[in-house]
Amino acid sequence: MRSADRRRLTMIVVGSGIAHLGMFALLAANPPRLRQGDVPPIFAVEVVPFVLPPRSAPPQDLSSRPLHRRRAVGVDETTRVAPLVTPNAPAPQDDPRFVPAPSPAPADGSLALRNALRSSPVGCANLNLLARDERQGCLEKLGARAEDTPFIPPPLAKDRLRGFDEKVAAQEQMRIYRRTNIYPGMREALRAAR
C-alpha cells in the first residue's frame, strides 16, 4: 500500500471517529425523551384489609359433663294474630302433608272428559299440572313409545359423519389395546398367522 493511500485511509478513520464522538456528545447533552400524556386507568383496584375473626376458645372436654334432656318447645297456641290467607296462592304440590280434598263429582259427565284429557298426550304435555301418580303414568307411556320409535340420524354432512365413525373406531381400538396390551395392527397379523 502506498503512503498516500495510507494517509487518506487514516484521515477517513480519524474523521469518522471525530464525527461519531461529536454525535455521542450531542446525544449525551440532549437525550431524547418520550413524552406521553396522562393515560386513563384501565380499572381501579381497592385493597381491603383482611380481618381475621377472633379465635374461639379451645373445645372443652364434654365427656365429664352429665347429659341433660332439653325441654321440648311446643307451638304457642295462644296467638292473637290471625293467619294470613292469600286467595291466589298456589297449593304446595310436593308437600307430603298437603292432601287435596276430593272435589265432588259433577253430574254432567265432565269428570270422564277430564280424566280422558289428563290421560291423553294432551294432558301429558303439562306434567307440572298433574298429580305425582299421573305424572309417573305419563312418563311410562313416553318411555314405552320411545322403544318402538325408529332412529333418526343427525343431519350432518357425510364426511363429518365418517370422521365421527373413524374416531369411534379408533377409541374402540384403544379400549381393546388397554385391555389386552396388543397393538391394533398386531391383532390382524396374529389372526392371519394362525
Protein backbone atom coordinates (compact mmCIF):
# COMPACT_ATOMS: atom_id res chain seq x y z
CA MET A 1 0.00 0.00 0.00
CA ARG A 2 1.33 3.41 -0.88
CA SER A 3 1.86 6.10 1.71
CA ALA A 4 -0.74 8.40 0.06
CA ASP A 5 -3.37 5.71 0.29
CA ARG A 6 -2.41 5.00 3.86
CA ARG A 7 -2.61 8.69 4.76
CA ARG A 8 -6.06 9.02 3.11
CA LEU A 9 -7.35 5.93 4.97
CA THR A 10 -6.06 7.33 8.26
CA MET A 11 -7.75 10.66 7.57
CA ILE A 12 -11.08 8.92 6.81
CA VAL A 13 -10.90 6.83 10.01
CA VAL A 14 -9.96 9.86 12.14
CA GLY A 15 -12.79 11.95 10.56
CA SER A 16 -15.31 9.20 11.11
CA GLY A 17 -14.19 8.82 14.74
CA ILE A 18 -14.48 12.60 15.35
CA ALA A 19 -17.97 12.65 13.75
CA HIS A 20 -19.13 9.72 15.88
CA LEU A 21 -17.72 11.26 19.08
CA GLY A 22 -19.48 14.55 18.24
CA MET A 23 -22.78 12.75 17.69
CA PHE A 24 -22.44 10.86 21.01
CA ALA A 25 -21.61 14.13 22.81
CA LEU A 26 -24.67 15.78 21.26
CA LEU A 27 -26.92 12.86 22.35
CA ALA A 28 -25.43 12.91 25.86
CA ALA A 29 -26.06 16.66 26.21
CA ASN A 30 -29.67 16.48 24.97
CA PRO A 31 -31.07 12.93 25.37
CA PRO A 32 -34.36 12.23 23.55
CA ARG A 33 -37.40 11.83 25.81
CA LEU A 34 -40.63 10.08 25.02
CA ARG A 35 -43.43 12.34 26.16
CA GLN A 36 -46.68 10.61 26.98
CA GLY A 37 -49.92 12.16 28.05
CA ASP A 38 -51.85 11.05 31.10
CA VAL A 39 -53.22 7.59 30.38
CA PRO A 40 -56.60 6.88 31.98
CA PRO A 41 -56.55 3.82 34.25
CA ILE A 42 -57.99 0.63 32.79
CA PHE A 43 -59.54 -0.43 36.09
CA ALA A 44 -59.22 0.62 39.69
CA VAL A 45 -58.32 -1.82 42.44
CA GLU A 46 -59.22 -1.19 46.04
CA VAL A 47 -57.24 -3.17 48.57
CA VAL A 48 -59.35 -4.13 51.56
CA PRO A 49 -57.50 -5.42 54.61
CA PHE A 50 -58.40 -8.95 55.61
CA VAL A 51 -59.52 -9.12 59.20
CA LEU A 52 -59.26 -12.49 60.89
CA PRO A 53 -62.16 -13.44 63.12
CA PRO A 54 -61.32 -13.81 66.79
CA ARG A 55 -60.11 -17.26 67.76
CA SER A 56 -62.66 -19.34 69.53
CA ALA A 57 -61.92 -20.98 72.82
CA PRO A 58 -60.44 -24.47 72.62
CA PRO A 59 -63.08 -27.21 72.73
CA GLN A 60 -63.93 -28.37 76.20
CA ASP A 61 -63.90 -31.96 77.28
CA LEU A 62 -67.62 -32.77 77.38
CA SER A 63 -67.21 -36.38 78.45
CA SER A 64 -67.12 -35.43 82.14
CA ARG A 65 -70.32 -33.35 82.00
CA PRO A 66 -73.62 -35.18 82.52
CA LEU A 67 -76.20 -35.12 79.75
CA HIS A 68 -79.35 -33.10 80.42
CA ARG A 69 -82.50 -33.56 78.46
CA ARG A 70 -83.68 -30.45 76.67
CA ARG A 71 -87.12 -29.13 77.16
CA ALA A 72 -89.21 -29.51 74.00
CA VAL A 73 -90.55 -26.25 72.73
CA GLY A 74 -94.16 -26.54 71.62
CA VAL A 75 -96.19 -24.34 69.36
CA ASP A 76 -97.73 -21.41 71.09
CA GLU A 77 -101.47 -21.91 70.61
CA THR A 78 -102.43 -18.65 72.29
CA THR A 79 -101.53 -16.31 69.47
CA ARG A 80 -103.63 -13.21 68.92
CA VAL A 81 -102.61 -12.76 65.27
CA ALA A 82 -104.97 -14.09 62.64
CA PRO A 83 -103.38 -16.30 59.95
CA LEU A 84 -102.64 -14.66 56.63
CA VAL A 85 -104.87 -16.12 53.94
CA THR A 86 -103.96 -15.44 50.34
CA PRO A 87 -106.71 -16.49 47.95
CA ASN A 88 -104.44 -16.70 44.88
CA ALA A 89 -101.56 -18.64 46.44
CA PRO A 90 -100.87 -21.98 44.73
CA ALA A 91 -101.23 -25.08 46.83
CA PRO A 92 -97.94 -26.82 47.65
CA GLN A 93 -97.94 -29.89 45.37
CA ASP A 94 -94.85 -31.69 46.59
CA ASP A 95 -95.55 -31.28 50.28
CA PRO A 96 -96.39 -34.73 51.75
CA ARG A 97 -98.53 -33.07 54.42
CA PHE A 98 -100.74 -31.48 51.76
CA VAL A 99 -103.63 -33.73 50.84
CA PRO A 100 -106.10 -32.08 48.48
CA ALA A 101 -109.72 -32.52 49.29
CA PRO A 102 -111.57 -34.58 46.70
CA SER A 103 -113.80 -32.45 44.54
CA PRO A 104 -117.42 -33.50 44.20
CA ALA A 105 -118.15 -35.41 41.01
CA PRO A 106 -120.13 -33.34 38.53
CA ALA A 107 -123.39 -34.82 37.33
CA ASP A 108 -122.99 -33.93 33.65
CA GLY A 109 -120.19 -36.39 32.81
CA SER A 110 -117.38 -33.82 32.55
CA LEU A 111 -115.36 -35.93 35.01
CA ALA A 112 -114.97 -38.61 32.35
CA LEU A 113 -113.88 -35.96 29.86
CA ARG A 114 -111.37 -34.52 32.34
CA ASN A 115 -109.89 -37.93 33.07
CA ALA A 116 -109.70 -38.74 29.35
CA LEU A 117 -107.87 -35.50 28.63
CA ARG A 118 -105.49 -35.93 31.55
CA SER A 119 -104.53 -39.45 30.48
CA SER A 120 -104.06 -38.48 26.81
CA PRO A 121 -100.91 -36.95 25.31
CA VAL A 122 -102.58 -33.54 25.66
CA GLY A 123 -102.65 -33.94 29.43
CA CYS A 124 -99.07 -35.22 29.48
CA ALA A 125 -97.89 -32.03 27.81
CA ASN A 126 -98.01 -30.16 31.15
CA LEU A 127 -96.54 -32.53 33.71
CA ASN A 128 -96.40 -29.91 36.43
CA LEU A 129 -100.22 -29.67 36.44
CA LEU A 130 -100.64 -33.39 37.12
CA ALA A 131 -100.51 -35.32 40.36
CA ARG A 132 -97.48 -37.48 41.12
CA ASP A 133 -99.03 -40.80 40.06
CA GLU A 134 -100.46 -39.26 36.87
CA ARG A 135 -97.02 -37.80 36.11
CA GLN A 136 -95.43 -41.25 36.53
CA GLY A 137 -98.06 -42.73 34.19
CA CYS A 138 -97.25 -40.14 31.52
CA LEU A 139 -93.53 -40.84 31.81
CA GLU A 140 -94.18 -44.59 31.49
CA LYS A 141 -96.21 -44.00 28.31
CA LEU A 142 -93.47 -41.84 26.87
CA GLY A 143 -90.86 -44.50 27.62
CA ALA A 144 -92.99 -47.26 26.07
CA ARG A 145 -93.41 -45.26 22.86
CA ALA A 146 -89.69 -44.49 22.70
CA GLU A 147 -88.82 -48.19 22.35
CA ASP A 148 -90.64 -48.54 19.02
CA THR A 149 -89.53 -45.23 17.53
CA PRO A 150 -87.07 -45.59 14.63
CA PHE A 151 -83.66 -43.94 14.89
CA ILE A 152 -83.43 -40.62 13.06
CA PRO A 153 -79.81 -39.91 12.07
CA PRO A 154 -78.49 -36.42 12.78
CA PRO A 155 -78.47 -34.02 9.80
CA LEU A 156 -74.68 -33.86 9.31
CA ALA A 157 -72.51 -33.95 6.22
CA LYS A 158 -71.29 -37.40 5.17
CA ASP A 159 -67.59 -36.55 5.60
CA ARG A 160 -68.27 -35.29 9.11
CA LEU A 161 -70.20 -38.44 10.00
CA ARG A 162 -67.36 -40.51 8.55
CA GLY A 163 -64.90 -38.58 10.73
CA PHE A 164 -67.01 -39.34 13.80
CA ASP A 165 -67.18 -43.02 12.85
CA GLU A 166 -63.38 -43.13 12.43
CA LYS A 167 -62.93 -41.51 15.83
CA VAL A 168 -65.27 -44.06 17.45
CA ALA A 169 -63.38 -46.91 15.75
CA ALA A 170 -60.03 -45.52 16.97
CA GLN A 171 -61.39 -45.22 20.51
CA GLU A 172 -62.62 -48.81 20.35
CA GLN A 173 -59.17 -49.94 19.17
CA MET A 174 -57.55 -48.09 22.10
CA ARG A 175 -60.03 -49.63 24.54
CA ILE A 176 -59.15 -53.12 23.27
CA TYR A 177 -55.43 -52.28 23.41
CA ARG A 178 -55.68 -51.16 27.03
CA ARG A 179 -57.50 -54.37 27.92
CA THR A 180 -55.28 -56.83 26.01
CA ASN A 181 -51.95 -54.95 25.58
CA ILE A 182 -51.82 -55.98 21.91
CA TYR A 183 -51.38 -53.20 19.36
CA PRO A 184 -54.31 -52.77 16.95
CA GLY A 185 -52.35 -53.78 13.84
CA MET A 186 -50.84 -56.80 15.60
CA ARG A 187 -54.25 -58.48 16.17
CA GLU A 188 -54.90 -58.78 12.43
CA ALA A 189 -51.35 -60.05 11.86
CA LEU A 190 -51.77 -62.68 14.60
CA ARG A 191 -55.09 -63.81 13.13
CA ALA A 192 -53.55 -64.06 9.65
CA ALA A 193 -50.58 -66.07 11.01
CA ARG A 194 -52.88 -68.72 12.55
